[in-house]
Amino acid sequence: MMLLFVFALVVFLKNLKVLAQIYINNTQAYHNASYRKEVRNKLLIRFTLINGGTILTLVIAYFIITIYVFQ
């Protein structure tokens, strides 16, 4: 259970890092607008993948715990 909490915390921090990257890329004045858009899209895709993974892991963990408790 503690391991799961640590994992969730790590993923949360990764999400913060990705959000910070998105913010930095949006605030920087690039000359090439298409490049900026491409970078933002890549970061958003990564962000959603990380979030999806977290939610999926928590759901699986929830089911494992409930099955283990109510055998």
Protein backbone atom coordinates (compact mmCIF):
# COMPACT_ATOMS: atom_id res chain seq x y z
CA MET A 1 0.00 0.00 0.00
CA MET A 2 2.86 2.35 0.86
CA LEU A 3 4.53 1.48 -2.44
CA LEU A 4 1.37 2.47 -4.30
CA PHE A 5 1.30 5.82 -2.52
CA VAL A 6 4.95 6.47 -3.42
CA PHE A 7 4.20 5.53 -7.05
CA ALA A 8 1.23 7.91 -7.17
CA LEU A 9 3.41 10.68 -5.72
CA VAL A 10 6.14 10.10 -8.32
CA VAL A 11 3.59 10.19 -11.14
CA PHE A 12 2.08 13.39 -9.73
CA LEU A 13 5.52 15.04 -9.70
CA LYS A 14 6.11 13.88 -13.28
CA ASN A 15 2.80 15.49 -14.24
CA LEU A 16 3.89 18.76 -12.62
CA LYS A 17 7.13 18.63 -14.61
CA VAL A 18 5.24 18.12 -17.88
CA LEU A 19 2.83 20.96 -17.03
CA ALA A 20 5.79 23.21 -16.30
CA GLN A 21 7.29 22.29 -19.68
CA ILE A 22 4.00 23.09 -21.42
CA TYR A 23 3.87 26.47 -19.64
CA ILE A 24 7.49 27.30 -20.52
CA ASN A 25 6.94 26.34 -24.16
CA ASN A 26 3.84 28.54 -24.30
CA THR A 27 5.53 31.57 -22.74
CA GLN A 28 8.77 31.40 -24.74
CA ALA A 29 8.77 33.50 -27.89
CA TYR A 30 9.58 31.01 -30.65
CA HIS A 31 10.01 32.23 -34.21
CA ASN A 32 8.51 29.05 -35.62
CA ALA A 33 4.86 28.75 -34.57
CA SER A 34 4.35 25.28 -36.05
CA TYR A 35 7.31 23.94 -34.06
CA ARG A 36 5.85 25.35 -30.85
CA LYS A 37 2.48 23.74 -31.58
CA GLU A 38 4.14 20.40 -32.31
CA VAL A 39 6.06 20.49 -29.02
CA ARG A 40 2.93 21.40 -27.07
CA ASN A 41 0.97 18.57 -28.68
CA LYS A 42 3.70 16.05 -27.83
CA LEU A 43 3.76 17.23 -24.21
CA LEU A 44 -0.03 17.09 -23.93
CA ILE A 45 -0.06 13.55 -25.33
CA ARG A 46 2.60 12.54 -22.79
CA PHE A 47 0.63 14.23 -20.01
CA THR A 48 -2.58 12.37 -20.86
CA LEU A 49 -0.70 9.06 -21.14
CA ILE A 50 0.88 9.55 -17.70
CA ASN A 51 -2.50 10.51 -16.20
CA GLY A 52 -4.26 7.56 -17.83
CA GLY A 53 -1.59 5.23 -16.50
CA THR A 54 -1.99 6.60 -12.98
CA ILE A 55 -5.78 6.24 -12.98
CA LEU A 56 -5.55 2.72 -14.44
CA THR A 57 -2.98 1.68 -11.82
CA LEU A 58 -5.11 3.07 -8.98
CA VAL A 59 -8.25 1.29 -10.29
CA ILE A 60 -6.39 -2.03 -10.60
CA ALA A 61 -4.93 -1.56 -7.10
CA TYR A 62 -8.42 -0.81 -5.76
CA PHE A 63 -9.80 -4.02 -7.25
CA ILE A 64 -6.86 -6.07 -5.95
CA ILE A 65 -7.33 -4.63 -2.44
CA THR A 66 -11.12 -5.22 -2.44
CA ILE A 67 -10.68 -8.82 -3.67
CA TYR A 68 -7.96 -9.40 -1.07
CA VAL A 69 -10.07 -7.95 1.77
CA PHE A 70 -13.41 -9.58 0.81
CA GLN A 71 -12.19 -13.08 -0.08
